[in-house]
Protein backbone atom coordinates (compact mmCIF):
# COMPACT_ATOMS: atom_id res chain seq x y z
CA MET A 1 -92.93 103.58 -68.71
CA LEU A 2 -89.76 101.75 -69.70
CA GLU A 3 -89.08 99.01 -67.17
CA ASN A 4 -85.59 97.76 -66.52
CA LEU A 5 -86.25 95.32 -63.70
CA ALA A 6 -83.24 93.54 -62.26
CA GLU A 7 -83.06 89.78 -62.85
CA THR A 8 -82.16 88.90 -59.27
CA GLU A 9 -80.90 85.51 -58.14
CA TYR A 10 -83.02 85.72 -54.99
CA THR A 11 -86.31 87.53 -54.46
CA VAL A 12 -85.89 91.13 -53.31
CA HIS A 13 -88.42 93.94 -52.95
CA ASP A 14 -89.68 95.45 -56.21
CA LEU A 15 -88.42 98.87 -55.07
CA ILE A 16 -84.92 97.41 -55.28
CA ARG A 17 -85.54 95.47 -58.50
CA GLY A 18 -86.97 98.58 -60.13
CA ARG A 19 -84.13 100.91 -59.18
CA TRP A 20 -81.86 101.83 -62.03
CA SER A 21 -80.04 104.93 -63.22
CA PRO A 22 -81.58 106.22 -66.45
CA ARG A 23 -80.19 109.12 -68.41
CA ALA A 24 -83.43 109.88 -70.24
CA PHE A 25 -85.60 112.18 -68.14
CA SER A 26 -88.96 113.73 -68.95
CA ASP A 27 -89.33 117.51 -68.76
CA ARG A 28 -92.27 116.97 -66.40
CA THR A 29 -91.84 118.97 -63.20
CA VAL A 30 -91.28 117.02 -59.99
CA GLU A 31 -94.06 118.08 -57.65
CA ARG A 32 -92.96 119.97 -54.54
CA ASP A 33 -94.65 117.50 -52.19
CA LYS A 34 -92.85 114.59 -53.80
CA LEU A 35 -89.52 116.39 -53.60
CA LEU A 36 -90.14 117.05 -49.91
CA ILE A 37 -90.89 113.35 -49.38
CA LEU A 38 -87.54 112.46 -50.99
CA LEU A 39 -85.74 114.90 -48.71
CA GLU A 40 -87.56 113.51 -45.67
CA ALA A 41 -86.48 109.98 -46.64
CA CYS A 42 -82.92 111.28 -46.82
CA ARG A 43 -83.30 112.88 -43.39
CA TRP A 44 -84.13 109.55 -41.73
CA ALA A 45 -81.10 107.60 -42.93
CA ALA A 46 -78.88 105.87 -40.38
CA SER A 47 -75.56 107.52 -39.53
CA SER A 48 -72.62 107.01 -37.20
CA TYR A 49 -73.47 108.51 -33.78
CA ASN A 50 -76.56 109.98 -35.47
CA GLU A 51 -74.35 112.81 -36.76
CA GLN A 52 -76.29 113.06 -40.03
CA PRO A 53 -73.22 114.43 -41.87
CA TRP A 54 -75.07 115.22 -45.09
CA SER A 55 -76.06 118.53 -46.62
CA LEU A 56 -77.94 118.90 -49.88
CA ILE A 57 -77.86 121.79 -52.35
CA VAL A 58 -81.05 121.59 -54.41
CA ALA A 59 -81.59 123.21 -57.81
CA THR A 60 -84.76 122.89 -59.87
CA LYS A 61 -85.65 124.22 -63.29
CA GLU A 62 -88.07 126.60 -61.55
CA GLN A 63 -84.89 128.42 -60.44
CA PRO A 64 -83.05 128.65 -63.80
CA SER A 65 -79.96 130.48 -62.53
CA GLU A 66 -79.43 128.06 -59.65
CA TYR A 67 -80.02 125.10 -61.93
CA ALA A 68 -77.52 126.43 -64.48
CA ARG A 69 -74.89 126.91 -61.76
CA LEU A 70 -75.16 123.33 -60.59
CA LEU A 71 -75.38 121.93 -64.12
CA SER A 72 -72.18 123.82 -65.00
CA CYS A 73 -70.30 121.81 -62.36
CA LEU A 74 -70.89 118.58 -64.25
CA ILE A 75 -68.36 117.24 -66.72
CA GLU A 76 -69.37 117.78 -70.34
CA PHE A 77 -70.49 114.17 -70.85
CA ASN A 78 -72.93 114.35 -67.94
CA GLN A 79 -74.20 117.76 -69.01
CA SER A 80 -75.14 116.23 -72.38
CA TRP A 81 -77.98 114.25 -70.79
CA ALA A 82 -78.49 115.57 -67.24
CA HIS A 83 -79.77 118.93 -68.55
CA SER A 84 -83.14 117.26 -69.12
CA ALA A 85 -83.61 116.26 -65.47
CA PRO A 86 -85.88 118.76 -63.70
CA VAL A 87 -84.02 118.47 -60.38
CA LEU A 88 -80.32 118.40 -59.57
CA ILE A 89 -78.97 117.93 -56.05
CA LEU A 90 -75.39 118.21 -54.83
CA SER A 91 -74.67 116.06 -51.78
CA VAL A 92 -72.00 117.24 -49.36
CA ALA A 93 -70.30 115.41 -46.49
CA LYS A 94 -69.25 116.98 -43.16
CA LEU A 95 -65.83 115.50 -42.50
CA ASN A 96 -65.62 115.85 -38.70
CA PHE A 97 -67.92 114.88 -35.86
CA ASP A 98 -69.85 117.68 -34.18
CA ARG A 99 -69.60 115.80 -30.88
CA ASP A 100 -65.81 116.00 -30.49
CA GLY A 101 -64.25 117.35 -33.69
CA ARG A 102 -62.62 114.05 -34.63
CA GLU A 103 -62.46 112.91 -38.25
CA ASN A 104 -65.62 111.08 -39.24
CA ARG A 105 -64.25 108.30 -41.42
CA HIS A 106 -67.82 107.11 -42.06
CA ALA A 107 -69.09 110.43 -43.40
CA PHE A 108 -69.11 109.36 -47.06
CA HIS A 109 -70.74 106.05 -46.13
CA ASP A 110 -73.48 107.92 -44.29
CA VAL A 111 -74.07 110.39 -47.12
CA GLY A 112 -74.40 107.36 -49.40
CA ALA A 113 -76.93 105.82 -47.04
CA ALA A 114 -78.98 109.02 -47.13
CA ALA A 115 -78.81 109.07 -50.93
CA SER A 116 -79.89 105.42 -51.00
CA ASN A 117 -82.93 106.24 -48.87
CA LEU A 118 -83.79 109.04 -51.26
CA THR A 119 -83.35 106.77 -54.27
CA THR A 120 -85.55 103.98 -52.92
CA GLN A 121 -88.26 106.48 -51.95
CA ALA A 122 -88.06 107.93 -55.46
CA ILE A 123 -88.90 104.56 -57.02
CA ALA A 124 -91.95 104.34 -54.75
CA LEU A 125 -93.11 107.68 -56.22
CA ASP A 126 -92.46 106.69 -59.87
CA LEU A 127 -89.40 108.92 -59.94
CA PHE A 128 -85.89 107.99 -61.01
CA VAL A 129 -82.46 108.99 -59.78
CA HIS A 130 -79.05 109.02 -61.42
CA GLN A 131 -76.10 109.78 -59.16
CA MET A 132 -72.95 111.21 -60.72
CA ALA A 133 -69.34 111.26 -59.66
CA GLY A 134 -68.46 113.13 -62.84
CA PHE A 135 -68.40 116.73 -61.65
CA ASP A 136 -65.85 119.37 -60.69
CA ALA A 137 -65.83 119.34 -56.89
CA GLU A 138 -63.69 122.47 -56.58
CA LYS A 139 -65.95 124.40 -58.93
CA ALA A 140 -68.95 123.28 -56.87
CA ARG A 141 -67.18 124.40 -53.71
CA SER A 142 -66.57 127.82 -55.23
CA GLN A 143 -70.01 128.19 -56.84
CA PHE A 144 -71.89 127.43 -53.62
CA GLY A 145 -69.51 128.70 -50.95
CA ILE A 146 -68.96 125.28 -49.38
CA PRO A 147 -66.66 125.81 -46.38
CA SER A 148 -63.59 123.83 -45.38
CA GLY A 149 -64.42 120.72 -43.42
CA TYR A 150 -67.08 119.78 -45.96
CA GLU A 151 -66.60 117.79 -49.16
CA PRO A 152 -68.85 117.65 -52.26
CA VAL A 153 -69.76 113.99 -52.85
CA ALA A 154 -72.07 113.56 -55.85
CA VAL A 155 -74.58 115.30 -58.08
CA ILE A 156 -77.97 113.60 -58.17
CA ALA A 157 -80.36 113.96 -61.12
CA ILE A 158 -84.03 113.34 -60.31
CA GLY A 159 -87.11 113.20 -62.50
CA TYR A 160 -89.71 111.18 -64.31
CA LEU A 161 -88.57 108.71 -66.92
CA GLY A 162 -88.17 110.14 -70.40
CA ASP A 163 -87.84 108.79 -73.94
CA PRO A 164 -84.45 107.15 -74.61
CA LEU A 165 -84.67 108.35 -78.23
CA GLY A 166 -84.18 111.87 -76.91
CA LEU A 167 -80.68 110.99 -75.74
CA PRO A 168 -77.52 111.43 -77.81
CA THR A 169 -77.27 108.42 -80.16
CA ALA A 170 -74.28 106.93 -78.35
CA LEU A 171 -76.27 106.71 -75.11
CA GLN A 172 -79.50 105.23 -76.45
CA ALA A 173 -78.23 101.64 -76.52
CA GLN A 174 -76.92 101.91 -72.95
CA GLU A 175 -80.36 102.96 -71.76
CA LEU A 176 -81.89 99.71 -73.03
CA THR A 177 -79.11 97.28 -72.06
CA PRO A 178 -80.05 94.76 -69.35
CA ARG A 179 -78.38 95.44 -66.02
CA THR A 180 -75.82 93.05 -64.57
CA ARG A 181 -74.14 92.58 -61.20
CA LYS A 182 -71.23 90.57 -59.83
CA PRO A 183 -72.23 87.20 -58.35
CA LEU A 184 -72.37 86.96 -54.56
CA THR A 185 -69.33 84.66 -54.60
CA GLU A 186 -67.14 87.58 -55.69
CA PHE A 187 -67.78 89.75 -52.65
CA VAL A 188 -69.30 87.69 -49.82
CA PHE A 189 -66.46 86.08 -47.86
CA THR A 190 -66.04 83.93 -44.75
CA GLY A 191 -62.78 82.95 -43.06
CA GLY A 192 -60.54 85.33 -44.98
CA TRP A 193 -60.31 87.78 -47.81
CA GLY A 194 -61.33 86.31 -51.14
CA GLN A 195 -62.73 83.10 -49.64
CA PRO A 196 -66.35 82.83 -50.80
CA SER A 197 -68.71 82.17 -47.94
CA ASP A 198 -70.38 78.76 -47.79
CA LEU A 199 -73.61 80.72 -47.58
CA VAL A 200 -73.35 81.73 -51.25
CA ILE A 201 -71.84 78.55 -52.72
CA ASP A 202 -74.34 76.14 -54.22
């Protein structure tokens, strides 16, 4: 398996170091029990007032027509590689609280937290996840009858790691490029906006 472990400044868990977003997926089927474990991990994410404002529309290659419908919502660039992933999931956010009908301004945050749970659990099962913003939200709404008050958030590709040489040539180099991140000093502040915290200054 191709490893793309993060070169972290401080020691973090290997499940975090090993998480990355490949575009090369194997055609190997994701076992039903593993897919259920991913969904259970999603279920137990934290959320504001425990509202759990996420819904998931799942399409696997065992359901070709459903898979094709969800794949068709992706922009052309993402279709060019995501078609090899055996599982696609559309995440959807509920925009108002059930408890009182008010706007839930944390809904997207909470859907992201659920997706993060799913992603970390996937690494533990030797699966990989690539989340995509590049899709037509209105087409997805129409294709799947998503009602008002709900907003499509992302399409998630899931599968076993594949051979980067199977990707379009332009994407092969990206698959092998070491990952980078901003330093802590660029986003950890104390005292005011843009003031790096003493905690992260050597």
